[in-house]
Amino acid sequence: MKQRSLGEWLAYLEQLHPSAIDMGLERSQKVLARLALGKLAPRVVTVTGTNGKGSTCAFVASLLRAQGLKVGVYSSPHLLRYNERVLIEGQEASDQQLCDAFAAVEAARGEISLTYFEMGTLAAFWLFYQSQLDAVVLEVGLGGRLDTVNVVDADLALVTSIGVDHVDYLGDTRERVAFEKAGIFRQGKPALCGDLDPPQPLLDKAADLAAPLFLRGRDFDLSSADGSWSWRGTAADGAQV
């Protein structure tokens, strides 16, 4: 069988599933189980929010790398080339790495139809697992609760902001959007929200899961004056930093 180029793979992915967007985790969960990857990395950070996801992913990855950790980042969409979506140690995945990852997912999926985003996400997961990383930072594509990224459990969940968008998929109120985005929270795992007025469903979800929730304006904040930035925050042990 002739090996596909990256361009050929991407063209193939575009026609693989009848719908460009098909929310739900079942298909991806089945294929992920077949890939038998285990935990992608010792630390998994998942980022969602109406705005600021990409910059937050870049900032978090930079902090982790500054600690000497080997980090992978998955984000979307890309600006110029698909390779931008998958970073390993700050470098874009090569065409060959992506082709190998797509081939692995294609072999595992069998009869299961996957969307472009689902295939790309699972391919990134496969590549991260092979790279033996210390941490991965994952950007949600749409919402959170039913987004393919959410098939992986987050050790830290970040919600940048909450606004009304993609109403056909997430609902037409901030409360409904917050419910979807809080779907990335996990039992007992810390979560952080940068929205200054987080809707009640997000607070309720954190409480239901006993997930320590750090809120902007209460537990941390950022201000600027005279050309400099000031930060205050609360450490996991409650100490002010």
C-alpha atoms as a PDB file:
ATOM      1  CA  MET A   1       0.000   0.000   0.000  1.00  0.00           C
ATOM      2  CA  LYS A   2       1.370   3.414  -1.009  1.00  0.00           C
ATOM      3  CA  GLN A   3       2.133   5.661   1.929  1.00  0.00           C
ATOM      4  CA  ARG A   4       0.100   8.864   2.020  1.00  0.00           C
ATOM      5  CA  SER A   5       1.698  12.278   2.254  1.00  0.00           C
ATOM      6  CA  LEU A   6       0.433  14.643   4.944  1.00  0.00           C
ATOM      7  CA  GLY A   7      -1.619  16.513   2.343  1.00  0.00           C
ATOM      8  CA  GLU A   8      -3.197  13.253   1.210  1.00  0.00           C
ATOM      9  CA  TRP A   9      -4.009  12.291   4.780  1.00  0.00           C
ATOM     10  CA  LEU A  10      -5.699  15.629   5.454  1.00  0.00           C
ATOM     11  CA  ALA A  11      -7.754  15.351   2.262  1.00  0.00           C
ATOM     12  CA  TYR A  12      -8.746  11.828   3.306  1.00  0.00           C
ATOM     13  CA  LEU A  13      -9.799  12.979   6.785  1.00  0.00           C
ATOM     14  CA  GLU A  14     -12.078  15.637   5.339  1.00  0.00           C
ATOM     15  CA  GLN A  15     -14.277  13.049   3.644  1.00  0.00           C
ATOM     16  CA  LEU A  16     -14.050  10.288   6.260  1.00  0.00           C
ATOM     17  CA  HIS A  17     -17.154  11.235   8.284  1.00  0.00           C
ATOM     18  CA  PRO A  18     -20.506  12.504   6.963  1.00  0.00           C
ATOM     19  CA  SER A  19     -20.550  15.490   9.362  1.00  0.00           C
ATOM     20  CA  ALA A  20     -17.778  18.005   9.958  1.00  0.00           C
ATOM     21  CA  ILE A  21     -18.943  18.414  13.574  1.00  0.00           C
ATOM     22  CA  ASP A  22     -20.503  15.460  15.387  1.00  0.00           C
ATOM     23  CA  MET A  23     -20.344  16.000  19.137  1.00  0.00           C
ATOM     24  CA  GLY A  24     -19.909  12.987  21.405  1.00  0.00           C
ATOM     25  CA  LEU A  25     -17.216  10.866  23.011  1.00  0.00           C
ATOM     26  CA  GLU A  26     -18.282   7.304  22.230  1.00  0.00           C
ATOM     27  CA  ARG A  27     -16.489   6.929  18.900  1.00  0.00           C
ATOM     28  CA  SER A  28     -13.233   8.403  20.154  1.00  0.00           C
ATOM     29  CA  GLN A  29     -13.369   6.418  23.392  1.00  0.00           C
ATOM     30  CA  LYS A  30     -13.638   3.166  21.464  1.00  0.00           C
ATOM     31  CA  VAL A  31     -10.710   3.984  19.201  1.00  0.00           C
ATOM     32  CA  LEU A  32      -8.617   5.254  22.120  1.00  0.00           C
ATOM     33  CA  ALA A  33      -9.215   1.934  23.882  1.00  0.00           C
ATOM     34  CA  ARG A  34      -8.043   0.083  20.775  1.00  0.00           C
ATOM     35  CA  LEU A  35      -4.887   2.208  20.662  1.00  0.00           C
ATOM     36  CA  ALA A  36      -4.200   1.115  24.261  1.00  0.00           C
ATOM     37  CA  LEU A  37      -2.097   4.170  24.995  1.00  0.00           C
ATOM     38  CA  GLY A  38      -2.530   4.449  28.732  1.00  0.00           C
ATOM     39  CA  LYS A  39      -1.969   7.857  30.344  1.00  0.00           C
ATOM     40  CA  LEU A  40      -0.520  10.336  27.848  1.00  0.00           C
ATOM     41  CA  ALA A  41       1.826  11.914  30.392  1.00  0.00           C
ATOM     42  CA  PRO A  42       2.143  12.219  34.175  1.00  0.00           C
ATOM     43  CA  ARG A  43       0.552  15.683  33.981  1.00  0.00           C
ATOM     44  CA  VAL A  44      -2.398  16.547  31.739  1.00  0.00           C
ATOM     45  CA  VAL A  45      -3.695  20.124  31.533  1.00  0.00           C
ATOM     46  CA  THR A  46      -6.921  20.693  29.585  1.00  0.00           C
ATOM     47  CA  VAL A  47      -7.899  24.212  28.531  1.00  0.00           C
ATOM     48  CA  THR A  48     -11.324  25.418  27.438  1.00  0.00           C
ATOM     49  CA  GLY A  49     -13.028  28.810  27.265  1.00  0.00           C
ATOM     50  CA  THR A  50     -14.732  31.158  24.862  1.00  0.00           C
ATOM     51  CA  ASN A  51     -11.601  33.230  24.251  1.00  0.00           C
ATOM     52  CA  GLY A  52      -7.923  32.961  25.083  1.00  0.00           C
ATOM     53  CA  LYS A  53      -7.484  29.188  24.865  1.00  0.00           C
ATOM     54  CA  GLY A  54      -4.535  29.208  22.489  1.00  0.00           C
ATOM     55  CA  SER A  55      -2.553  31.867  24.320  1.00  0.00           C
ATOM     56  CA  THR A  56      -3.271  30.149  27.634  1.00  0.00           C
ATOM     57  CA  CYS A  57      -1.977  26.845  26.266  1.00  0.00           C
ATOM     58  CA  ALA A  58       1.198  28.561  25.081  1.00  0.00           C
ATOM     59  CA  PHE A  59       1.682  30.285  28.442  1.00  0.00           C
ATOM     60  CA  VAL A  60       1.114  27.110  30.463  1.00  0.00           C
ATOM     61  CA  ALA A  61       3.449  25.118  28.220  1.00  0.00           C
ATOM     62  CA  SER A  62       6.119  27.799  28.628  1.00  0.00           C
ATOM     63  CA  LEU A  63       5.820  27.629  32.418  1.00  0.00           C
ATOM     64  CA  LEU A  64       6.094  23.846  32.400  1.00  0.00           C
ATOM     65  CA  ARG A  65       9.103  23.870  30.079  1.00  0.00           C
ATOM     66  CA  ALA A  66      10.773  26.473  32.291  1.00  0.00           C
ATOM     67  CA  GLN A  67      10.591  23.855  35.051  1.00  0.00           C
ATOM     68  CA  GLY A  68      12.610  21.499  32.885  1.00  0.00           C
ATOM     69  CA  LEU A  69       9.661  19.355  31.814  1.00  0.00           C
ATOM     70  CA  LYS A  70       9.261  17.782  28.393  1.00  0.00           C
ATOM     71  CA  VAL A  71       5.941  19.154  27.131  1.00  0.00           C
ATOM     72  CA  GLY A  72       3.514  18.509  24.296  1.00  0.00           C
ATOM     73  CA  VAL A  73       0.791  20.923  23.177  1.00  0.00           C
ATOM     74  CA  TYR A  74      -2.288  20.159  21.094  1.00  0.00           C
ATOM     75  CA  SER A  75      -4.265  23.143  19.811  1.00  0.00           C
ATOM     76  CA  SER A  76      -6.554  24.126  16.964  1.00  0.00           C
ATOM     77  CA  PRO A  77      -7.147  25.505  14.457  1.00  0.00           C
ATOM     78  CA  HIS A  78      -3.850  26.137  12.672  1.00  0.00           C
ATOM     79  CA  LEU A  79      -2.901  29.332  10.840  1.00  0.00           C
ATOM     80  CA  LEU A  80      -0.604  28.239   8.015  1.00  0.00           C
ATOM     81  CA  ARG A  81      -0.013  24.486   8.241  1.00  0.00           C
ATOM     82  CA  TYR A  82      -1.487  21.562  10.106  1.00  0.00           C
ATOM     83  CA  ASN A  83       1.802  20.817  11.894  1.00  0.00           C
ATOM     84  CA  GLU A  84       1.188  23.858  14.123  1.00  0.00           C
ATOM     85  CA  ARG A  85      -1.491  21.895  15.975  1.00  0.00           C
ATOM     86  CA  VAL A  86       0.951  19.439  17.536  1.00  0.00           C
ATOM     87  CA  LEU A  87       4.020  20.742  19.360  1.00  0.00           C
ATOM     88  CA  ILE A  88       6.605  18.618  21.127  1.00  0.00           C
ATOM     89  CA  GLU A  89       9.188  20.498  23.138  1.00  0.00           C
ATOM     90  CA  GLY A  90       8.192  23.682  21.341  1.00  0.00           C
ATOM     91  CA  GLN A  91       8.739  22.194  17.886  1.00  0.00           C
ATOM     92  CA  GLU A  92       6.037  21.422  15.351  1.00  0.00           C
ATOM     93  CA  ALA A  93       5.472  17.745  14.629  1.00  0.00           C
ATOM     94  CA  SER A  94       7.032  16.771  11.311  1.00  0.00           C
ATOM     95  CA  ASP A  95       5.012  15.592   8.324  1.00  0.00           C
ATOM     96  CA  GLN A  96       6.340  12.069   8.860  1.00  0.00           C
ATOM     97  CA  GLN A  97       5.415  12.038  12.544  1.00  0.00           C
ATOM     98  CA  LEU A  98       1.877  13.128  11.720  1.00  0.00           C
ATOM     99  CA  CYS A  99       1.570  10.592   8.910  1.00  0.00           C
ATOM    100  CA  ASP A 100       2.704   7.821  11.254  1.00  0.00           C
ATOM    101  CA  ALA A 101       0.180   8.956  13.856  1.00  0.00           C
ATOM    102  CA  PHE A 102      -2.685   9.084  11.354  1.00  0.00           C
ATOM    103  CA  ALA A 103      -1.752   5.616  10.123  1.00  0.00           C
ATOM    104  CA  ALA A 104      -1.847   4.267  13.683  1.00  0.00           C
ATOM    105  CA  VAL A 105      -5.308   5.716  14.320  1.00  0.00           C
ATOM    106  CA  GLU A 106      -6.554   4.527  10.931  1.00  0.00           C
ATOM    107  CA  ALA A 107      -5.433   0.981  11.724  1.00  0.00           C
ATOM    108  CA  ALA A 108      -7.114   1.094  15.142  1.00  0.00           C
ATOM    109  CA  ARG A 109     -10.445   2.633  14.154  1.00  0.00           C
ATOM    110  CA  GLY A 110     -11.595  -0.244  11.943  1.00  0.00           C
ATOM    111  CA  GLU A 111     -15.263   0.274  11.126  1.00  0.00           C
ATOM    112  CA  ILE A 112     -15.632   3.367  13.336  1.00  0.00           C
ATOM    113  CA  SER A 113     -16.154   6.605  11.427  1.00  0.00           C
ATOM    114  CA  LEU A 114     -14.306   9.604  12.865  1.00  0.00           C
ATOM    115  CA  THR A 115     -14.508  13.311  12.091  1.00  0.00           C
ATOM    116  CA  TYR A 116     -11.488  15.333  10.946  1.00  0.00           C
ATOM    117  CA  PHE A 117     -11.083  16.728  14.463  1.00  0.00           C
ATOM    118  CA  GLU A 118     -11.469  13.346  16.140  1.00  0.00           C
ATOM    119  CA  MET A 119      -8.828  11.771  13.908  1.00  0.00           C
ATOM    120  CA  GLY A 120      -6.472  14.684  14.460  1.00  0.00           C
ATOM    121  CA  THR A 121      -6.948  14.635  18.214  1.00  0.00           C
ATOM    122  CA  LEU A 122      -6.363  10.905  18.558  1.00  0.00           C
ATOM    123  CA  ALA A 123      -3.324  11.157  16.288  1.00  0.00           C
ATOM    124  CA  ALA A 124      -1.891  13.853  18.568  1.00  0.00           C
ATOM    125  CA  PHE A 125      -2.538  11.629  21.590  1.00  0.00           C
ATOM    126  CA  TRP A 126      -0.732   8.737  19.907  1.00  0.00           C
ATOM    127  CA  LEU A 127       2.237  10.939  19.092  1.00  0.00           C
ATOM    128  CA  PHE A 128       2.412  12.359  22.619  1.00  0.00           C
ATOM    129  CA  TYR A 129       2.362   8.876  24.118  1.00  0.00           C
ATOM    130  CA  GLN A 130       5.194   7.738  21.856  1.00  0.00           C
ATOM    131  CA  SER A 131       7.230  10.810  22.833  1.00  0.00           C
ATOM    132  CA  GLN A 132       7.318   9.954  26.561  1.00  0.00           C
ATOM    133  CA  LEU A 133       6.468  13.447  27.747  1.00  0.00           C
ATOM    134  CA  ASP A 134       6.340  14.839  31.268  1.00  0.00           C
ATOM    135  CA  ALA A 135       3.234  16.922  30.573  1.00  0.00           C
ATOM    136  CA  VAL A 136       0.710  17.644  27.854  1.00  0.00           C
ATOM    137  CA  VAL A 137      -1.448  20.728  27.374  1.00  0.00           C
ATOM    138  CA  LEU A 138      -4.660  20.080  25.456  1.00  0.00           C
ATOM    139  CA  GLU A 139      -6.900  22.743  23.934  1.00  0.00           C
ATOM    140  CA  VAL A 140     -10.586  21.885  23.658  1.00  0.00           C
ATOM    141  CA  GLY A 141     -11.975  22.375  20.177  1.00  0.00           C
ATOM    142  CA  LEU A 142     -15.610  23.122  21.033  1.00  0.00           C
ATOM    143  CA  GLY A 143     -17.273  23.320  24.434  1.00  0.00           C
ATOM    144  CA  GLY A 144     -15.702  20.681  26.609  1.00  0.00           C
ATOM    145  CA  ARG A 145     -18.083  18.019  27.872  1.00  0.00           C
ATOM    146  CA  LEU A 146     -18.558  16.335  24.476  1.00  0.00           C
ATOM    147  CA  ASP A 147     -15.300  17.415  22.826  1.00  0.00           C
ATOM    148  CA  THR A 148     -12.897  14.674  21.755  1.00  0.00           C
ATOM    149  CA  VAL A 149     -10.131  16.108  23.946  1.00  0.00           C
ATOM    150  CA  ASN A 150     -12.299  15.189  26.938  1.00  0.00           C
ATOM    151  CA  VAL A 151     -11.747  11.453  26.458  1.00  0.00           C
ATOM    152  CA  VAL A 152      -8.537  12.070  28.417  1.00  0.00           C
ATOM    153  CA  ASP A 153      -8.807  12.902  32.120  1.00  0.00           C
ATOM    154  CA  ALA A 154      -7.323  16.252  33.087  1.00  0.00           C
ATOM    155  CA  ASP A 155      -5.131  16.629  36.155  1.00  0.00           C
ATOM    156  CA  LEU A 156      -5.783  20.374  35.923  1.00  0.00           C
ATOM    157  CA  ALA A 157      -8.738  21.935  34.100  1.00  0.00           C
ATOM    158  CA  LEU A 158      -8.603  25.575  32.972  1.00  0.00           C
ATOM    159  CA  VAL A 159     -11.584  27.671  31.851  1.00  0.00           C
ATOM    160  CA  THR A 160     -10.398  30.972  30.412  1.00  0.00           C
ATOM    161  CA  SER A 161     -13.716  32.779  29.933  1.00  0.00           C
ATOM    162  CA  ILE A 162     -17.392  32.046  29.366  1.00  0.00           C
ATOM    163  CA  GLY A 163     -19.407  33.738  26.638  1.00  0.00           C
ATOM    164  CA  VAL A 164     -22.230  32.780  24.331  1.00  0.00           C
ATOM    165  CA  ASP A 165     -21.016  31.297  21.049  1.00  0.00           C
ATOM    166  CA  HIS A 166     -21.645  28.170  18.968  1.00  0.00           C
ATOM    167  CA  VAL A 167     -25.228  28.297  20.232  1.00  0.00           C
ATOM    168  CA  ASP A 168     -26.300  25.338  18.083  1.00  0.00           C
ATOM    169  CA  TYR A 169     -23.934  23.109  20.046  1.00  0.00           C
ATOM    170  CA  LEU A 170     -23.429  24.780  23.431  1.00  0.00           C
ATOM    171  CA  GLY A 171     -26.706  26.572  24.124  1.00  0.00           C
ATOM    172  CA  ASP A 172     -27.780  30.191  24.040  1.00  0.00           C
ATOM    173  CA  THR A 173     -27.053  31.267  27.629  1.00  0.00           C
ATOM    174  CA  ARG A 174     -23.870  31.611  29.662  1.00  0.00           C
ATOM    175  CA  GLU A 175     -25.277  29.059  32.090  1.00  0.00           C
ATOM    176  CA  ARG A 176     -25.601  26.416  29.401  1.00  0.00           C
ATOM    177  CA  VAL A 177     -22.167  27.219  28.020  1.00  0.00           C
ATOM    178  CA  ALA A 178     -20.678  26.985  31.523  1.00  0.00           C
ATOM    179  CA  PHE A 179     -22.244  23.553  31.982  1.00  0.00           C
ATOM    180  CA  GLU A 180     -20.584  22.333  28.796  1.00  0.00           C
ATOM    181  CA  LYS A 181     -17.195  23.801  29.637  1.00  0.00           C
ATOM    182  CA  ALA A 182     -17.234  22.456  33.192  1.00  0.00           C
ATOM    183  CA  GLY A 183     -17.511  19.011  31.642  1.00  0.00           C
ATOM    184  CA  ILE A 184     -13.697  18.854  31.604  1.00  0.00           C
ATOM    185  CA  PHE A 185     -13.569  18.900  35.426  1.00  0.00           C
ATOM    186  CA  ARG A 186     -12.595  15.649  37.141  1.00  0.00           C
ATOM    187  CA  GLN A 187     -13.237  14.167  40.564  1.00  0.00           C
ATOM    188  CA  GLY A 188     -10.946  15.721  43.149  1.00  0.00           C
ATOM    189  CA  LYS A 189      -8.733  17.397  40.545  1.00  0.00           C
ATOM    190  CA  PRO A 190      -8.068  21.166  40.670  1.00  0.00           C
ATOM    191  CA  ALA A 191      -9.818  23.515  38.281  1.00  0.00           C
ATOM    192  CA  LEU A 192      -9.229  27.175  37.530  1.00  0.00           C
ATOM    193  CA  CYS A 193     -11.616  29.737  36.030  1.00  0.00           C
ATOM    194  CA  GLY A 194     -10.567  33.120  34.676  1.00  0.00           C
ATOM    195  CA  ASP A 195     -14.100  34.451  34.202  1.00  0.00           C
ATOM    196  CA  LEU A 196     -14.861  37.163  36.759  1.00  0.00           C
ATOM    197  CA  ASP A 197     -18.515  36.118  36.965  1.00  0.00           C
ATOM    198  CA  PRO A 198     -18.609  32.327  36.577  1.00  0.00           C
ATOM    199  CA  PRO A 199     -22.159  31.010  36.093  1.00  0.00           C
ATOM    200  CA  GLN A 200     -23.607  28.778  38.785  1.00  0.00           C
ATOM    201  CA  PRO A 201     -23.469  25.514  36.781  1.00  0.00           C
ATOM    202  CA  LEU A 202     -19.671  25.742  36.727  1.00  0.00           C
ATOM    203  CA  LEU A 203     -19.539  26.262  40.491  1.00  0.00           C
ATOM    204  CA  ASP A 204     -21.998  23.417  41.023  1.00  0.00           C
ATOM    205  CA  LYS A 205     -19.980  21.020  38.877  1.00  0.00           C
ATOM    206  CA  ALA A 206     -16.813  21.701  40.836  1.00  0.00           C
ATOM    207  CA  ALA A 207     -18.681  21.182  44.107  1.00  0.00           C
ATOM    208  CA  ASP A 208     -20.272  17.928  42.904  1.00  0.00           C
ATOM    209  CA  LEU A 209     -16.841  16.555  41.989  1.00  0.00           C
ATOM    210  CA  ALA A 210     -15.076  17.918  45.082  1.00  0.00           C
ATOM    211  CA  ALA A 211     -12.734  19.603  42.622  1.00  0.00           C
ATOM    212  CA  PRO A 212     -10.739  22.444  44.229  1.00  0.00           C
ATOM    213  CA  LEU A 213     -11.792  25.519  42.243  1.00  0.00           C
ATOM    214  CA  PHE A 214      -9.562  28.574  41.940  1.00  0.00           C
ATOM    215  CA  LEU A 215     -11.406  31.695  40.784  1.00  0.00           C
ATOM    216  CA  ARG A 216     -10.041  34.897  39.326  1.00  0.00           C
ATOM    217  CA  GLY A 217     -10.790  37.820  41.624  1.00  0.00           C
ATOM    218  CA  ARG A 218     -11.021  35.548  44.649  1.00  0.00           C
ATOM    219  CA  ASP A 219      -8.023  33.218  44.588  1.00  0.00           C
ATOM    220  CA  PHE A 220      -5.831  34.945  42.031  1.00  0.00           C
ATOM    221  CA  ASP A 221      -5.728  38.122  39.974  1.00  0.00           C
ATOM    222  CA  LEU A 222      -3.601  40.191  37.655  1.00  0.00           C
ATOM    223  CA  SER A 223      -3.297  43.961  37.375  1.00  0.00           C
ATOM    224  CA  SER A 224      -1.140  46.457  35.521  1.00  0.00           C
ATOM    225  CA  ALA A 225       0.122  49.890  36.492  1.00  0.00           C
ATOM    226  CA  ASP A 226       2.925  52.136  35.267  1.00  0.00           C
ATOM    227  CA  GLY A 227       3.910  49.685  32.573  1.00  0.00           C
ATOM    228  CA  SER A 228       4.352  46.707  34.881  1.00  0.00           C
ATOM    229  CA  TRP A 229       2.225  43.719  35.869  1.00  0.00           C
ATOM    230  CA  SER A 230       1.346  42.589  39.375  1.00  0.00           C
ATOM    231  CA  TRP A 231       0.186  39.083  40.227  1.00  0.00           C
ATOM    232  CA  ARG A 232      -1.360  37.661  43.351  1.00  0.00           C
ATOM    233  CA  GLY A 233      -2.477  34.119  43.877  1.00  0.00           C
ATOM    234  CA  THR A 234      -3.181  31.279  46.251  1.00  0.00           C
ATOM    235  CA  ALA A 235      -1.069  28.133  46.316  1.00  0.00           C
ATOM    236  CA  ALA A 236      -2.604  24.678  46.651  1.00  0.00           C
ATOM    237  CA  ASP A 237      -1.824  24.730  50.388  1.00  0.00           C
ATOM    238  CA  GLY A 238      -3.672  28.023  50.827  1.00  0.00           C
ATOM    239  CA  ALA A 239      -0.580  30.196  51.102  1.00  0.00           C
ATOM    240  CA  GLN A 240      -0.679  33.584  49.377  1.00  0.00           C
ATOM    241  CA  VAL A 241       1.859  34.040  46.591  1.00  0.00           C
END
